[in-house]
C-alpha atoms as a PDB file:
ATOM      1  CA  MET A   1     -58.789  50.821  66.943  1.00  0.00           C
ATOM      2  CA  ILE A   2     -59.360  53.843  64.648  1.00  0.00           C
ATOM      3  CA  LEU A   3     -56.095  52.978  62.824  1.00  0.00           C
ATOM      4  CA  ASN A   4     -57.297  49.383  62.347  1.00  0.00           C
ATOM      5  CA  LYS A   5     -60.622  50.635  60.880  1.00  0.00           C
ATOM      6  CA  ILE A   6     -58.779  53.029  58.467  1.00  0.00           C
ATOM      7  CA  PHE A   7     -56.449  50.173  57.442  1.00  0.00           C
ATOM      8  CA  LYS A   8     -59.407  47.839  56.744  1.00  0.00           C
ATOM      9  CA  ASN A   9     -61.296  50.511  54.742  1.00  0.00           C
ATOM     10  CA  THR A  10     -58.170  51.300  52.709  1.00  0.00           C
ATOM     11  CA  LEU A  11     -57.579  47.625  52.039  1.00  0.00           C
ATOM     12  CA  LEU A  12     -61.233  47.210  50.991  1.00  0.00           C
ATOM     13  CA  VAL A  13     -61.053  50.128  48.617  1.00  0.00           C
ATOM     14  CA  LEU A  14     -57.764  48.865  47.073  1.00  0.00           C
ATOM     15  CA  THR A  15     -59.205  45.366  46.592  1.00  0.00           C
ATOM     16  CA  ALA A  16     -62.328  46.808  44.914  1.00  0.00           C
ATOM     17  CA  CYS A  17     -60.125  48.896  42.590  1.00  0.00           C
ATOM     18  CA  ILE A  18     -58.076  45.843  41.614  1.00  0.00           C
ATOM     19  CA  VAL A  19     -61.144  43.755  40.967  1.00  0.00           C
ATOM     20  CA  LEU A  20     -62.830  46.480  38.932  1.00  0.00           C
ATOM     21  CA  SER A  21     -59.762  47.248  36.827  1.00  0.00           C
ATOM     22  CA  ALA A  22     -59.430  43.523  36.014  1.00  0.00           C
ATOM     23  CA  CYS A  23     -62.932  43.649  34.555  1.00  0.00           C
ATOM     24  CA  ALA A  24     -62.190  46.610  32.289  1.00  0.00           C
ATOM     25  CA  THR A  25     -61.769  45.940  28.590  1.00  0.00           C
ATOM     26  CA  LYS A  26     -59.905  47.951  26.073  1.00  0.00           C
ATOM     27  CA  LYS A  27     -61.828  48.673  22.890  1.00  0.00           C
ATOM     28  CA  GLU A  28     -59.534  48.385  19.848  1.00  0.00           C
ATOM     29  CA  ILE A  29     -60.204  50.781  16.977  1.00  0.00           C
ATOM     30  CA  ALA A  30     -59.029  49.705  13.530  1.00  0.00           C
ATOM     31  CA  THR A  31     -56.590  52.285  12.151  1.00  0.00           C
ATOM     32  CA  ASP A  32     -55.106  50.280   9.317  1.00  0.00           C
ATOM     33  CA  ILE A  33     -57.457  51.155   6.507  1.00  0.00           C
ATOM     34  CA  LYS A  34     -56.545  49.275   3.356  1.00  0.00           C
ATOM     35  CA  GLY A  35     -57.050  50.971   0.008  1.00  0.00           C
ATOM     36  CA  SER A  36     -56.083  54.282  -1.476  1.00  0.00           C
ATOM     37  CA  MET A  37     -57.305  57.246   0.532  1.00  0.00           C
ATOM     38  CA  GLN A  38     -56.549  60.865   0.512  1.00  0.00           C
ATOM     39  CA  GLY A  39     -58.070  62.305   3.649  1.00  0.00           C
ATOM     40  CA  ASP A  40     -61.490  60.753   3.634  1.00  0.00           C
ATOM     41  CA  VAL A  41     -61.786  60.525  -0.160  1.00  0.00           C
ATOM     42  CA  TYR A  42     -61.248  57.212  -1.979  1.00  0.00           C
ATOM     43  CA  THR A  43     -58.610  57.487  -4.725  1.00  0.00           C
ATOM     44  CA  GLY A  44     -58.185  53.850  -5.613  1.00  0.00           C
ATOM     45  CA  THR A  45     -59.367  52.101  -8.710  1.00  0.00           C
ATOM     46  CA  GLU A  46     -60.765  48.757  -7.503  1.00  0.00           C
ATOM     47  CA  THR A  47     -64.381  49.967  -7.820  1.00  0.00           C
ATOM     48  CA  VAL A  48     -63.817  52.054 -10.966  1.00  0.00           C
ATOM     49  CA  GLU A  49     -65.124  50.839 -14.316  1.00  0.00           C
ATOM     50  CA  TYR A  50     -64.512  52.608 -17.577  1.00  0.00           C
ATOM     51  CA  LEU A  51     -66.819  54.686 -19.697  1.00  0.00           C
ATOM     52  CA  ALA A  52     -64.380  54.085 -22.539  1.00  0.00           C
ATOM     53  CA  GLU A  53     -60.788  52.898 -22.805  1.00  0.00           C
ATOM     54  CA  GLY A  54     -58.793  55.041 -20.419  1.00  0.00           C
ATOM     55  CA  VAL A  55     -61.804  57.065 -19.262  1.00  0.00           C
ATOM     56  CA  PRO A  56     -62.846  56.242 -15.698  1.00  0.00           C
ATOM     57  CA  ASP A  57     -66.599  56.241 -15.054  1.00  0.00           C
ATOM     58  CA  ARG A  58     -66.653  57.701 -11.516  1.00  0.00           C
ATOM     59  CA  VAL A  59     -65.462  60.464  -9.209  1.00  0.00           C
ATOM     60  CA  PHE A  60     -65.366  60.458  -5.432  1.00  0.00           C
ATOM     61  CA  PHE A  61     -66.281  62.993  -2.777  1.00  0.00           C
ATOM     62  CA  ALA A  62     -65.446  63.859   0.829  1.00  0.00           C
ATOM     63  CA  THR A  63     -68.021  63.301   3.596  1.00  0.00           C
ATOM     64  CA  ASN A  64     -71.084  65.527   3.227  1.00  0.00           C
ATOM     65  CA  GLU A  65     -69.502  67.317   0.257  1.00  0.00           C
ATOM     66  CA  SER A  66     -70.304  67.833  -3.365  1.00  0.00           C
ATOM     67  CA  ILE A  67     -67.111  69.775  -4.159  1.00  0.00           C
ATOM     68  CA  LEU A  68     -64.986  68.160  -6.817  1.00  0.00           C
ATOM     69  CA  THR A  69     -61.494  67.129  -5.898  1.00  0.00           C
ATOM     70  CA  THR A  70     -58.494  67.618  -8.221  1.00  0.00           C
ATOM     71  CA  ALA A  71     -58.627  63.937  -9.169  1.00  0.00           C
ATOM     72  CA  SER A  72     -62.379  64.269  -9.866  1.00  0.00           C
ATOM     73  CA  ARG A  73     -61.829  67.223 -12.177  1.00  0.00           C
ATOM     74  CA  GLU A  74     -59.127  65.306 -14.057  1.00  0.00           C
ATOM     75  CA  THR A  75     -61.485  62.343 -14.557  1.00  0.00           C
ATOM     76  CA  LEU A  76     -64.323  64.626 -15.704  1.00  0.00           C
ATOM     77  CA  ARG A  77     -61.986  66.381 -18.212  1.00  0.00           C
ATOM     78  CA  ALA A  78     -61.205  62.976 -19.706  1.00  0.00           C
ATOM     79  CA  GLN A  79     -64.906  62.205 -19.864  1.00  0.00           C
ATOM     80  CA  ALA A  80     -65.663  65.541 -21.575  1.00  0.00           C
ATOM     81  CA  ALA A  81     -62.974  64.934 -24.205  1.00  0.00           C
ATOM     82  CA  TRP A  82     -64.442  61.499 -24.895  1.00  0.00           C
ATOM     83  CA  MET A  83     -68.001  62.961 -25.098  1.00  0.00           C
ATOM     84  CA  ARG A  84     -66.816  65.629 -27.575  1.00  0.00           C
ATOM     85  CA  LYS A  85     -65.495  62.883 -29.822  1.00  0.00           C
ATOM     86  CA  ASN A  86     -68.729  60.842 -29.433  1.00  0.00           C
ATOM     87  CA  SER A  87     -71.293  63.527 -29.861  1.00  0.00           C
ATOM     88  CA  SER A  88     -74.149  61.069 -30.427  1.00  0.00           C
ATOM     89  CA  ILE A  89     -73.804  59.553 -26.972  1.00  0.00           C
ATOM     90  CA  ASN A  90     -75.787  60.864 -24.033  1.00  0.00           C
ATOM     91  CA  VAL A  91     -74.996  60.048 -20.388  1.00  0.00           C
ATOM     92  CA  VAL A  92     -76.643  59.720 -17.018  1.00  0.00           C
ATOM     93  CA  LEU A  93     -74.804  61.010 -14.037  1.00  0.00           C
ATOM     94  CA  GLU A  94     -75.724  58.882 -10.996  1.00  0.00           C
ATOM     95  CA  GLY A  95     -75.174  60.519  -7.626  1.00  0.00           C
ATOM     96  CA  HIS A  96     -74.497  58.299  -4.609  1.00  0.00           C
ATOM     97  CA  ALA A  97     -73.887  58.694  -0.851  1.00  0.00           C
ATOM     98  CA  ASP A  98     -72.623  56.487   1.955  1.00  0.00           C
ATOM     99  CA  GLU A  99     -74.990  54.750   4.442  1.00  0.00           C
ATOM    100  CA  ARG A 100     -74.859  57.436   7.052  1.00  0.00           C
ATOM    101  CA  GLY A 101     -77.582  60.047   7.181  1.00  0.00           C
ATOM    102  CA  THR A 102     -81.275  59.886   6.346  1.00  0.00           C
ATOM    103  CA  ARG A 103     -82.661  58.684   3.037  1.00  0.00           C
ATOM    104  CA  GLU A 104     -83.828  62.221   2.168  1.00  0.00           C
ATOM    105  CA  TYR A 105     -80.549  63.847   3.015  1.00  0.00           C
ATOM    106  CA  ASN A 106     -78.548  61.317   0.992  1.00  0.00           C
ATOM    107  CA  LEU A 107     -80.846  61.585  -2.019  1.00  0.00           C
ATOM    108  CA  ALA A 108     -80.313  65.380  -2.027  1.00  0.00           C
ATOM    109  CA  LEU A 109     -76.561  64.920  -1.497  1.00  0.00           C
ATOM    110  CA  GLY A 110     -76.316  62.479  -4.358  1.00  0.00           C
ATOM    111  CA  GLU A 111     -78.181  64.908  -6.588  1.00  0.00           C
ATOM    112  CA  ARG A 112     -75.778  67.717  -5.661  1.00  0.00           C
ATOM    113  CA  ARG A 113     -72.825  65.474  -6.440  1.00  0.00           C
ATOM    114  CA  ALA A 114     -74.193  64.492  -9.867  1.00  0.00           C
ATOM    115  CA  ASN A 115     -75.024  68.121 -10.583  1.00  0.00           C
ATOM    116  CA  ALA A 116     -71.487  69.162  -9.629  1.00  0.00           C
ATOM    117  CA  ALA A 117     -70.145  66.638 -12.233  1.00  0.00           C
ATOM    118  CA  LYS A 118     -72.697  67.865 -14.830  1.00  0.00           C
ATOM    119  CA  ASP A 119     -71.739  71.477 -14.281  1.00  0.00           C
ATOM    120  CA  TYR A 120     -68.099  70.645 -14.707  1.00  0.00           C
ATOM    121  CA  LEU A 121     -68.742  68.717 -17.921  1.00  0.00           C
ATOM    122  CA  MET A 122     -70.691  71.677 -19.275  1.00  0.00           C
ATOM    123  CA  THR A 123     -67.710  73.993 -18.662  1.00  0.00           C
ATOM    124  CA  TYR A 124     -65.857  71.802 -21.126  1.00  0.00           C
ATOM    125  CA  GLY A 125     -68.482  72.254 -23.878  1.00  0.00           C
ATOM    126  CA  ILE A 126     -70.799  69.305 -23.207  1.00  0.00           C
ATOM    127  CA  SER A 127     -74.513  70.350 -23.741  1.00  0.00           C
ATOM    128  CA  SER A 128     -76.815  69.935 -20.795  1.00  0.00           C
ATOM    129  CA  ASP A 129     -79.239  68.201 -23.216  1.00  0.00           C
ATOM    130  CA  ARG A 130     -76.807  65.229 -23.299  1.00  0.00           C
ATOM    131  CA  ILE A 131     -76.657  64.815 -19.553  1.00  0.00           C
ATOM    132  CA  THR A 132     -79.337  63.469 -17.237  1.00  0.00           C
ATOM    133  CA  VAL A 133     -78.881  63.628 -13.484  1.00  0.00           C
ATOM    134  CA  LEU A 134     -80.172  60.870 -11.192  1.00  0.00           C
ATOM    135  CA  SER A 135     -79.657  60.359  -7.453  1.00  0.00           C
ATOM    136  CA  TYR A 136     -79.714  57.029  -5.703  1.00  0.00           C
ATOM    137  CA  GLY A 137     -78.599  58.389  -2.355  1.00  0.00           C
ATOM    138  CA  LYS A 138     -77.457  55.482  -0.174  1.00  0.00           C
ATOM    139  CA  GLU A 139     -79.646  52.926  -2.002  1.00  0.00           C
ATOM    140  CA  ARG A 140     -76.955  51.396  -4.266  1.00  0.00           C
ATOM    141  CA  PRO A 141     -73.687  51.013  -2.359  1.00  0.00           C
ATOM    142  CA  VAL A 142     -70.702  49.672  -4.305  1.00  0.00           C
ATOM    143  CA  ASP A 143     -69.192  48.453  -0.994  1.00  0.00           C
ATOM    144  CA  SER A 144     -71.613  47.217   1.671  1.00  0.00           C
ATOM    145  CA  GLY A 145     -69.062  47.466   4.463  1.00  0.00           C
ATOM    146  CA  SER A 146     -69.599  49.796   7.434  1.00  0.00           C
ATOM    147  CA  ASN A 147     -66.206  51.484   7.768  1.00  0.00           C
ATOM    148  CA  PRO A 148     -64.400  54.588   6.483  1.00  0.00           C
ATOM    149  CA  LEU A 149     -62.986  52.882   3.359  1.00  0.00           C
ATOM    150  CA  SER A 150     -66.371  51.480   2.345  1.00  0.00           C
ATOM    151  CA  TRP A 151     -68.034  54.793   2.941  1.00  0.00           C
ATOM    152  CA  SER A 152     -65.512  56.646   0.823  1.00  0.00           C
ATOM    153  CA  LYS A 153     -66.098  54.217  -2.084  1.00  0.00           C
ATOM    154  CA  ASN A 154     -69.808  54.918  -1.917  1.00  0.00           C
ATOM    155  CA  ARG A 155     -69.564  58.734  -1.982  1.00  0.00           C
ATOM    156  CA  ARG A 156     -69.420  59.064  -5.745  1.00  0.00           C
ATOM    157  CA  SER A 157     -70.893  60.162  -9.069  1.00  0.00           C
ATOM    158  CA  VAL A 158     -70.907  57.531 -11.820  1.00  0.00           C
ATOM    159  CA  THR A 159     -71.196  58.446 -15.435  1.00  0.00           C
ATOM    160  CA  VAL A 160     -73.033  55.809 -17.535  1.00  0.00           C
ATOM    161  CA  LYS A 161     -74.103  55.775 -21.195  1.00  0.00           C
ATOM    162  CA  ALA A 162     -77.832  56.518 -21.489  1.00  0.00           C
ATOM    163  CA  ASN A 163     -79.970  53.929 -23.277  1.00  0.00           C
END
């Protein structure tokens, strides 16, 4: 009788486990990010426009960072060379962030990014009087997606000719 009760309880537990495991779902996580990425920094050119022929207009940053990458410094050196040849042109450095974080945090981060680009341009002889810094934070995304590739495209500083 006790053996019969143990057998029934065991059978009941096994049946419950089988039923519950049949209801479980596996959440798939997308790992095939399309686009050029180095770590979490976008390195592609599909969102890049040009300040002048051969001079890209933007640089990209890692998450929560305002430190210039090697590729960013190379782009800014090209911008500085172009600005030295075109001394009558002033620029606006627009700082941007991805959608994550508060509005205030992203405005400050965008400003730090634009200032990092400004400081680098100044080391190559561009006067601070020719450069205006403006932060849009997360308000003007170039890619409205909500995934790592989209976020990396939005973490940027864009150099535009001032009006």
